[in-house]
Structure formats: structure tokens, C-alpha cells
Amino acid sequence: MILVDLAILALALLIVWILGGLLLRIGGLVLALGGAGVVALSGNANGLLVFAIGGALWLAGHWLFALRHGEYKSPLADLLFYRCASAWLDPIRDGRTI
């Protein structure tokens, strides 16, 4: 039973490692645009929370992509991680300059 649980966990981690960056980037972009649209069209402040969650998911997707490939997919994500994040949070910070 424990062996089956470990195999399922390993499979889930493999799927997240392979597809997680893409799914997080696309899902975060859709949520951020939807939240911005709600704020723009209705003025409802709840859209700001959706926008923030979408932005965080988008950045998490870029972080996972950079962890796998050694570079960011977006110059904006590269700039945000390099300028605003701590050095331990940036997976590719190795003395590069922007």
C-alpha cells in the first residue's frame, strides 16, 4: 500500500515538473486578465484579489520554468525576480546583470 502511494506521488511530481510551468503561466495569465476585466467593467474590488492570485501563479510558472531551463521565458519575469526578489528566491542568479 505504501509503495503504491509513493508511486502515485512520484507520478504527480513528474507531471508537475513537466507541465507545471506551462499550466501555471497560462492559468495565471487567464486569471489576471479576468480579474483586471472584472475591475475595469464592473468596478468590483474582488477582481483585484483574482488579479493578484493570477499574477502570483504567472510568476510561479516562470520560476518553475527557470528552475528547469536556466532562463526565464519572459523578460518581465526576469526583471521582477532579479530586481525585486531575494537572491535565494531567484533560481538563476549567478552574477548576471540587467
C-alpha atoms as a PDB file:
ATOM      1  CA  MET A   1       0.000   0.000   0.000  1.00  0.00           C
ATOM      2  CA  ILE A   2       2.763   2.453   0.858  1.00  0.00           C
ATOM      3  CA  LEU A   3       4.599   1.556  -2.345  1.00  0.00           C
ATOM      4  CA  VAL A   4       1.516   2.430  -4.412  1.00  0.00           C
ATOM      5  CA  ASP A   5       1.179   5.758  -2.586  1.00  0.00           C
ATOM      6  CA  LEU A   6       4.818   6.583  -3.253  1.00  0.00           C
ATOM      7  CA  ALA A   7       4.416   5.681  -6.927  1.00  0.00           C
ATOM      8  CA  ILE A   8       1.369   7.962  -7.238  1.00  0.00           C
ATOM      9  CA  LEU A   9       3.261  10.768  -5.503  1.00  0.00           C
ATOM     10  CA  ALA A  10       6.251  10.284  -7.821  1.00  0.00           C
ATOM     11  CA  LEU A  11       3.983  10.352 -10.880  1.00  0.00           C
ATOM     12  CA  ALA A  12       2.249  13.515  -9.665  1.00  0.00           C
ATOM     13  CA  LEU A  13       5.588  15.231  -9.051  1.00  0.00           C
ATOM     14  CA  LEU A  14       6.800  14.204 -12.515  1.00  0.00           C
ATOM     15  CA  ILE A  15       3.676  15.666 -14.135  1.00  0.00           C
ATOM     16  CA  VAL A  16       4.059  18.899 -12.149  1.00  0.00           C
ATOM     17  CA  TRP A  17       7.751  19.084 -13.127  1.00  0.00           C
ATOM     18  CA  ILE A  18       6.991  18.622 -16.834  1.00  0.00           C
ATOM     19  CA  LEU A  19       3.725  20.553 -17.259  1.00  0.00           C
ATOM     20  CA  GLY A  20       3.595  22.778 -14.177  1.00  0.00           C
ATOM     21  CA  GLY A  21       5.386  25.800 -15.610  1.00  0.00           C
ATOM     22  CA  LEU A  22       3.195  25.970 -18.685  1.00  0.00           C
ATOM     23  CA  LEU A  23      -0.044  25.397 -16.802  1.00  0.00           C
ATOM     24  CA  LEU A  24       0.830  27.952 -14.124  1.00  0.00           C
ATOM     25  CA  ARG A  25       1.812  30.593 -16.677  1.00  0.00           C
ATOM     26  CA  ILE A  26      -1.319  30.134 -18.797  1.00  0.00           C
ATOM     27  CA  GLY A  27      -3.682  29.803 -15.836  1.00  0.00           C
ATOM     28  CA  GLY A  28      -2.165  32.805 -14.086  1.00  0.00           C
ATOM     29  CA  LEU A  29      -2.447  34.922 -17.218  1.00  0.00           C
ATOM     30  CA  VAL A  30      -6.096  33.973 -17.682  1.00  0.00           C
ATOM     31  CA  LEU A  31      -6.894  34.737 -14.035  1.00  0.00           C
ATOM     32  CA  ALA A  32      -5.027  38.053 -14.090  1.00  0.00           C
ATOM     33  CA  LEU A  33      -6.751  39.192 -17.271  1.00  0.00           C
ATOM     34  CA  GLY A  34     -10.127  38.068 -15.916  1.00  0.00           C
ATOM     35  CA  GLY A  35      -9.576  39.920 -12.647  1.00  0.00           C
ATOM     36  CA  ALA A  36      -8.490  43.058 -14.470  1.00  0.00           C
ATOM     37  CA  GLY A  37     -11.547  42.773 -16.706  1.00  0.00           C
ATOM     38  CA  VAL A  38     -13.878  42.482 -13.713  1.00  0.00           C
ATOM     39  CA  VAL A  39     -12.350  45.571 -12.112  1.00  0.00           C
ATOM     40  CA  ALA A  40     -12.478  47.525 -15.365  1.00  0.00           C
ATOM     41  CA  LEU A  41     -16.034  46.589 -16.330  1.00  0.00           C
ATOM     42  CA  SER A  42     -17.851  46.436 -13.007  1.00  0.00           C
ATOM     43  CA  GLY A  43     -15.610  48.259 -10.551  1.00  0.00           C
ATOM     44  CA  ASN A  44     -15.858  45.315  -8.161  1.00  0.00           C
ATOM     45  CA  ALA A  45     -12.820  45.297  -5.877  1.00  0.00           C
ATOM     46  CA  ASN A  46     -12.906  41.494  -5.605  1.00  0.00           C
ATOM     47  CA  GLY A  47     -11.329  41.414  -9.040  1.00  0.00           C
ATOM     48  CA  LEU A  48      -8.133  42.791  -7.506  1.00  0.00           C
ATOM     49  CA  LEU A  49      -7.741  39.628  -5.448  1.00  0.00           C
ATOM     50  CA  VAL A  50      -8.245  37.486  -8.545  1.00  0.00           C
ATOM     51  CA  PHE A  51      -5.730  39.662 -10.402  1.00  0.00           C
ATOM     52  CA  ALA A  52      -3.159  39.256  -7.608  1.00  0.00           C
ATOM     53  CA  ILE A  53      -3.619  35.484  -7.466  1.00  0.00           C
ATOM     54  CA  GLY A  54      -3.273  35.290 -11.242  1.00  0.00           C
ATOM     55  CA  GLY A  55      -0.093  37.350 -11.154  1.00  0.00           C
ATOM     56  CA  ALA A  56       1.362  35.147  -8.426  1.00  0.00           C
ATOM     57  CA  LEU A  57       0.552  31.998 -10.407  1.00  0.00           C
ATOM     58  CA  TRP A  58       2.101  33.523 -13.535  1.00  0.00           C
ATOM     59  CA  LEU A  59       5.292  34.298 -11.625  1.00  0.00           C
ATOM     60  CA  ALA A  60       5.337  30.818 -10.086  1.00  0.00           C
ATOM     61  CA  GLY A  61       5.136  29.331 -13.571  1.00  0.00           C
ATOM     62  CA  HIS A  62       8.093  31.422 -14.710  1.00  0.00           C
ATOM     63  CA  TRP A  63      10.041  30.425 -11.601  1.00  0.00           C
ATOM     64  CA  LEU A  64       9.443  26.738 -12.324  1.00  0.00           C
ATOM     65  CA  PHE A  65      10.426  27.237 -15.982  1.00  0.00           C
ATOM     66  CA  ALA A  66      13.637  28.999 -14.917  1.00  0.00           C
ATOM     67  CA  LEU A  67      14.406  26.243 -12.448  1.00  0.00           C
ATOM     68  CA  ARG A  68      14.107  23.650 -15.219  1.00  0.00           C
ATOM     69  CA  HIS A  69      15.731  25.515 -18.123  1.00  0.00           C
ATOM     70  CA  GLY A  70      18.090  28.035 -16.526  1.00  0.00           C
ATOM     71  CA  GLU A  71      16.431  31.071 -18.089  1.00  0.00           C
ATOM     72  CA  TYR A  72      13.150  32.916 -17.828  1.00  0.00           C
ATOM     73  CA  LYS A  73      10.548  32.726 -20.556  1.00  0.00           C
ATOM     74  CA  SER A  74       9.636  36.399 -20.141  1.00  0.00           C
ATOM     75  CA  PRO A  75      11.854  39.478 -19.770  1.00  0.00           C
ATOM     76  CA  LEU A  76       9.306  40.897 -17.320  1.00  0.00           C
ATOM     77  CA  ALA A  77       9.596  37.856 -15.043  1.00  0.00           C
ATOM     78  CA  ASP A  78      13.392  38.047 -15.312  1.00  0.00           C
ATOM     79  CA  LEU A  79      13.340  41.691 -14.277  1.00  0.00           C
ATOM     80  CA  LEU A  80      10.917  41.096 -11.396  1.00  0.00           C
ATOM     81  CA  PHE A  81      12.921  38.217  -9.955  1.00  0.00           C
ATOM     82  CA  TYR A  82      16.260  39.961 -10.425  1.00  0.00           C
ATOM     83  CA  ARG A  83      15.269  43.373  -9.065  1.00  0.00           C
ATOM     84  CA  CYS A  84      12.553  42.606  -6.515  1.00  0.00           C
ATOM     85  CA  ALA A  85      13.148  39.086  -5.186  1.00  0.00           C
ATOM     86  CA  SER A  86      15.776  37.901  -2.751  1.00  0.00           C
ATOM     87  CA  ALA A  87      18.828  36.136  -4.135  1.00  0.00           C
ATOM     88  CA  TRP A  88      17.764  32.809  -2.650  1.00  0.00           C
ATOM     89  CA  LEU A  89      14.443  33.007  -4.492  1.00  0.00           C
ATOM     90  CA  ASP A  90      15.942  33.552  -7.954  1.00  0.00           C
ATOM     91  CA  PRO A  91      16.932  30.141  -9.382  1.00  0.00           C
ATOM     92  CA  ILE A  92      19.325  31.547 -11.991  1.00  0.00           C
ATOM     93  CA  ARG A  93      21.023  34.411 -10.159  1.00  0.00           C
ATOM     94  CA  ASP A  94      24.741  33.841 -10.682  1.00  0.00           C
ATOM     95  CA  GLY A  95      26.255  37.260 -11.076  1.00  0.00           C
ATOM     96  CA  ARG A  96      24.268  38.292 -14.154  1.00  0.00           C
ATOM     97  CA  THR A  97      23.443  41.936 -14.709  1.00  0.00           C
ATOM     98  CA  ILE A  98      20.486  43.517 -16.409  1.00  0.00           C
END
